[in-house]
Amino acid sequence: MVSHPVADATGGPPGDIELRFSEAPLAMLSSIELRTATGEDIPVSSKDMGKNMLVVVPQRPLKSGSYTVKWHVVTADTHRTQGTFAFIVR
């Protein structure tokens, strides 16, 4: 999985979070969560962008701080994979 922002990045608040996979994810069987360093859930909406990519859009602007993305996907060939990564907003 490749993401934008990349794991451990520091920068301005992203407008959206992109996750690219080596196989096509099934959006209806996949989930992506966004949390603050204190564990607060940030509401997001997600979109299947095709080309093996899911995009998550935070429902409110991200403030300065550390965030964790936790994801799990089921791919078209029914493999399940999961992971987490963090980034920092200045």
N, C-alpha and C. Protein backbone atom coordinates (compact mmCIF):
# COMPACT_ATOMS: atom_id res chain seq x y z
N MET A 1 0.84 -1.16 0.00
CA MET A 1 0.00 0.00 0.00
C MET A 1 0.89 1.23 0.00
N VAL A 2 0.52 2.19 -0.79
CA VAL A 2 1.20 3.47 -0.87
C VAL A 2 0.18 4.54 -0.49
N SER A 3 0.59 5.52 0.30
CA SER A 3 -0.37 6.53 0.74
C SER A 3 0.13 7.93 0.45
N HIS A 4 -0.83 8.86 0.46
CA HIS A 4 -0.54 10.29 0.43
C HIS A 4 -1.48 10.93 1.43
N PRO A 5 -1.03 11.52 2.51
CA PRO A 5 0.38 11.73 2.81
C PRO A 5 1.07 10.40 3.13
N VAL A 6 2.36 10.39 2.94
CA VAL A 6 3.14 9.18 3.22
C VAL A 6 3.27 8.99 4.72
N ALA A 7 3.57 7.77 5.13
CA ALA A 7 3.73 7.47 6.55
C ALA A 7 4.81 8.36 7.16
N ASP A 8 4.51 8.88 8.32
CA ASP A 8 5.42 9.73 9.11
C ASP A 8 5.70 11.08 8.49
N ALA A 9 4.89 11.50 7.53
CA ALA A 9 5.07 12.82 6.90
C ALA A 9 4.65 13.92 7.87
N THR A 10 5.26 15.09 7.71
CA THR A 10 4.87 16.29 8.44
C THR A 10 4.60 17.37 7.42
N GLY A 11 3.46 18.03 7.53
CA GLY A 11 3.14 19.08 6.57
C GLY A 11 1.80 19.71 6.88
N GLY A 12 1.31 20.45 5.92
CA GLY A 12 0.01 21.09 6.06
C GLY A 12 -1.09 20.05 6.04
N PRO A 13 -2.30 20.44 6.42
CA PRO A 13 -3.40 19.49 6.46
C PRO A 13 -3.77 19.01 5.05
N PRO A 14 -3.85 17.69 4.87
CA PRO A 14 -4.22 17.19 3.55
C PRO A 14 -5.72 17.40 3.31
N GLY A 15 -6.09 17.70 2.09
CA GLY A 15 -7.51 17.81 1.74
C GLY A 15 -8.16 16.45 1.70
N ASP A 16 -7.38 15.46 1.30
CA ASP A 16 -7.86 14.09 1.31
C ASP A 16 -6.68 13.16 1.54
N ILE A 17 -6.98 11.91 1.80
CA ILE A 17 -5.96 10.90 2.06
C ILE A 17 -6.14 9.81 1.01
N GLU A 18 -5.08 9.54 0.26
CA GLU A 18 -5.13 8.55 -0.81
C GLU A 18 -4.41 7.28 -0.39
N LEU A 19 -5.03 6.14 -0.66
CA LEU A 19 -4.41 4.84 -0.42
C LEU A 19 -4.44 4.06 -1.73
N ARG A 20 -3.26 3.65 -2.19
CA ARG A 20 -3.14 2.89 -3.44
C ARG A 20 -2.67 1.48 -3.11
N PHE A 21 -3.30 0.51 -3.74
CA PHE A 21 -3.03 -0.90 -3.48
C PHE A 21 -2.55 -1.59 -4.75
N SER A 22 -1.94 -2.76 -4.59
CA SER A 22 -1.45 -3.51 -5.75
C SER A 22 -2.59 -4.24 -6.46
N GLU A 23 -3.71 -4.41 -5.77
CA GLU A 23 -4.89 -5.04 -6.36
C GLU A 23 -6.10 -4.17 -6.08
N ALA A 24 -7.15 -4.36 -6.84
CA ALA A 24 -8.35 -3.54 -6.67
C ALA A 24 -9.07 -3.86 -5.37
N PRO A 25 -9.27 -2.86 -4.49
CA PRO A 25 -10.01 -3.09 -3.26
C PRO A 25 -11.52 -3.06 -3.53
N LEU A 26 -12.26 -3.84 -2.76
CA LEU A 26 -13.72 -3.80 -2.82
C LEU A 26 -14.17 -2.80 -1.76
N ALA A 27 -14.56 -1.62 -2.17
CA ALA A 27 -14.86 -0.53 -1.25
C ALA A 27 -15.95 -0.91 -0.24
N MET A 28 -16.93 -1.68 -0.65
CA MET A 28 -18.02 -2.03 0.25
C MET A 28 -17.58 -2.98 1.37
N LEU A 29 -16.45 -3.66 1.19
CA LEU A 29 -15.94 -4.59 2.20
C LEU A 29 -14.69 -4.06 2.89
N SER A 30 -14.40 -2.80 2.67
CA SER A 30 -13.19 -2.19 3.20
C SER A 30 -13.55 -1.02 4.11
N SER A 31 -12.63 -0.65 5.01
CA SER A 31 -12.89 0.51 5.85
C SER A 31 -11.59 1.24 6.15
N ILE A 32 -11.74 2.52 6.36
CA ILE A 32 -10.60 3.38 6.70
C ILE A 32 -11.05 4.29 7.84
N GLU A 33 -10.25 4.31 8.91
CA GLU A 33 -10.54 5.15 10.07
C GLU A 33 -9.43 6.18 10.23
N LEU A 34 -9.79 7.36 10.69
CA LEU A 34 -8.83 8.43 10.95
C LEU A 34 -9.02 8.85 12.40
N ARG A 35 -7.91 8.85 13.17
CA ARG A 35 -7.97 9.19 14.59
C ARG A 35 -6.88 10.18 14.96
N THR A 36 -7.17 10.98 15.98
CA THR A 36 -6.18 11.89 16.53
C THR A 36 -5.26 11.12 17.47
N ALA A 37 -4.21 11.77 17.96
CA ALA A 37 -3.29 11.13 18.89
C ALA A 37 -3.97 10.74 20.20
N THR A 38 -5.07 11.41 20.54
CA THR A 38 -5.80 11.08 21.77
C THR A 38 -6.88 10.02 21.53
N GLY A 39 -6.99 9.53 20.30
CA GLY A 39 -7.95 8.47 19.99
C GLY A 39 -9.30 8.95 19.51
N GLU A 40 -9.45 10.26 19.32
CA GLU A 40 -10.72 10.80 18.83
C GLU A 40 -10.91 10.41 17.36
N ASP A 41 -12.07 9.84 17.04
CA ASP A 41 -12.39 9.51 15.66
C ASP A 41 -12.72 10.78 14.88
N ILE A 42 -12.14 10.91 13.70
CA ILE A 42 -12.46 12.00 12.79
C ILE A 42 -13.38 11.43 11.73
N PRO A 43 -14.60 11.95 11.60
CA PRO A 43 -15.51 11.44 10.58
C PRO A 43 -14.92 11.64 9.18
N VAL A 44 -15.04 10.62 8.35
CA VAL A 44 -14.53 10.67 6.98
C VAL A 44 -15.57 10.11 6.03
N SER A 45 -15.46 10.49 4.79
CA SER A 45 -16.21 9.82 3.72
C SER A 45 -15.16 9.21 2.81
N SER A 46 -15.48 8.09 2.22
CA SER A 46 -14.51 7.43 1.35
C SER A 46 -15.10 7.22 -0.03
N LYS A 47 -14.19 7.20 -1.00
CA LYS A 47 -14.59 7.03 -2.39
C LYS A 47 -13.66 6.01 -3.04
N ASP A 48 -14.23 5.14 -3.84
CA ASP A 48 -13.46 4.22 -4.66
C ASP A 48 -13.12 4.97 -5.94
N MET A 49 -11.85 5.26 -6.15
CA MET A 49 -11.44 6.05 -7.32
C MET A 49 -11.01 5.18 -8.49
N GLY A 50 -11.18 3.86 -8.38
CA GLY A 50 -10.70 2.98 -9.44
C GLY A 50 -9.18 2.94 -9.41
N LYS A 51 -8.59 2.29 -10.36
CA LYS A 51 -7.14 2.20 -10.46
C LYS A 51 -6.49 1.81 -9.15
N ASN A 52 -7.15 0.90 -8.40
CA ASN A 52 -6.62 0.37 -7.15
C ASN A 52 -6.45 1.43 -6.06
N MET A 53 -7.29 2.47 -6.07
CA MET A 53 -7.13 3.56 -5.13
C MET A 53 -8.43 3.86 -4.39
N LEU A 54 -8.31 4.07 -3.08
CA LEU A 54 -9.39 4.59 -2.25
C LEU A 54 -8.97 5.97 -1.76
N VAL A 55 -9.93 6.88 -1.68
CA VAL A 55 -9.67 8.23 -1.19
C VAL A 55 -10.59 8.49 -0.01
N VAL A 56 -10.01 9.03 1.06
CA VAL A 56 -10.76 9.36 2.26
C VAL A 56 -10.72 10.87 2.43
N VAL A 57 -11.87 11.47 2.69
CA VAL A 57 -11.96 12.91 2.86
C VAL A 57 -12.43 13.20 4.29
N PRO A 58 -11.59 13.87 5.10
CA PRO A 58 -12.03 14.25 6.45
C PRO A 58 -13.23 15.19 6.34
N GLN A 59 -14.21 15.01 7.23
CA GLN A 59 -15.42 15.82 7.19
C GLN A 59 -15.27 17.17 7.86
N ARG A 60 -14.08 17.42 8.41
CA ARG A 60 -13.77 18.74 8.97
C ARG A 60 -12.27 18.97 8.78
N PRO A 61 -11.85 20.24 8.75
CA PRO A 61 -10.42 20.52 8.58
C PRO A 61 -9.60 19.91 9.72
N LEU A 62 -8.44 19.38 9.39
CA LEU A 62 -7.57 18.79 10.39
C LEU A 62 -6.74 19.88 11.06
N LYS A 63 -6.74 19.88 12.38
CA LYS A 63 -5.95 20.84 13.16
C LYS A 63 -4.53 20.31 13.32
N SER A 64 -3.65 21.14 13.82
CA SER A 64 -2.29 20.71 14.10
C SER A 64 -2.30 19.53 15.05
N GLY A 65 -1.43 18.55 14.77
CA GLY A 65 -1.34 17.39 15.64
C GLY A 65 -1.00 16.14 14.87
N SER A 66 -0.98 15.04 15.57
CA SER A 66 -0.65 13.74 15.00
C SER A 66 -1.94 12.96 14.71
N TYR A 67 -1.96 12.27 13.58
CA TYR A 67 -3.13 11.50 13.17
C TYR A 67 -2.69 10.09 12.76
N THR A 68 -3.58 9.15 12.99
CA THR A 68 -3.33 7.77 12.59
C THR A 68 -4.45 7.31 11.65
N VAL A 69 -4.05 6.67 10.57
CA VAL A 69 -4.99 6.06 9.64
C VAL A 69 -4.92 4.56 9.84
N LYS A 70 -6.06 3.95 10.12
CA LYS A 70 -6.15 2.50 10.26
C LYS A 70 -7.05 2.01 9.13
N TRP A 71 -6.55 1.04 8.37
CA TRP A 71 -7.31 0.59 7.22
C TRP A 71 -7.33 -0.93 7.13
N HIS A 72 -8.38 -1.43 6.52
CA HIS A 72 -8.41 -2.84 6.11
C HIS A 72 -9.17 -2.88 4.79
N VAL A 73 -8.69 -3.69 3.89
CA VAL A 73 -9.35 -3.84 2.59
C VAL A 73 -9.48 -5.32 2.25
N VAL A 74 -10.51 -5.59 1.49
CA VAL A 74 -10.69 -6.89 0.87
C VAL A 74 -10.56 -6.64 -0.62
N THR A 75 -9.69 -7.39 -1.27
CA THR A 75 -9.45 -7.17 -2.70
C THR A 75 -10.37 -8.05 -3.54
N ALA A 76 -10.38 -7.78 -4.83
CA ALA A 76 -11.26 -8.49 -5.75
C ALA A 76 -11.05 -10.00 -5.71
N ASP A 77 -9.83 -10.44 -5.37
CA ASP A 77 -9.59 -11.89 -5.28
C ASP A 77 -9.81 -12.40 -3.86
N THR A 78 -10.51 -11.64 -3.02
CA THR A 78 -10.93 -11.95 -1.65
C THR A 78 -9.82 -11.97 -0.61
N HIS A 79 -8.65 -11.47 -0.93
CA HIS A 79 -7.60 -11.36 0.10
C HIS A 79 -7.91 -10.17 0.99
N ARG A 80 -7.69 -10.35 2.28
CA ARG A 80 -7.88 -9.26 3.24
C ARG A 80 -6.50 -8.81 3.70
N THR A 81 -6.31 -7.50 3.74
CA THR A 81 -5.06 -6.94 4.23
C THR A 81 -5.39 -5.72 5.08
N GLN A 82 -4.49 -5.38 5.98
CA GLN A 82 -4.75 -4.25 6.87
C GLN A 82 -3.45 -3.59 7.27
N GLY A 83 -3.57 -2.40 7.82
CA GLY A 83 -2.39 -1.70 8.29
C GLY A 83 -2.74 -0.37 8.91
N THR A 84 -1.71 0.31 9.39
CA THR A 84 -1.87 1.65 9.96
C THR A 84 -0.66 2.48 9.54
N PHE A 85 -0.86 3.77 9.53
CA PHE A 85 0.25 4.71 9.37
C PHE A 85 -0.14 6.02 10.01
N ALA A 86 0.85 6.80 10.35
CA ALA A 86 0.61 8.08 11.02
C ALA A 86 1.21 9.22 10.21
N PHE A 87 0.68 10.41 10.42
CA PHE A 87 1.26 11.63 9.84
C PHE A 87 0.98 12.77 10.79
N ILE A 88 1.71 13.86 10.62
CA ILE A 88 1.60 15.02 11.49
C ILE A 88 1.20 16.23 10.68
N VAL A 89 0.22 16.98 11.20
CA VAL A 89 -0.20 18.25 10.60
C VAL A 89 0.42 19.36 11.42
N ARG A 90 1.11 20.29 10.75
CA ARG A 90 1.73 21.44 11.45
C ARG A 90 0.72 22.52 11.70
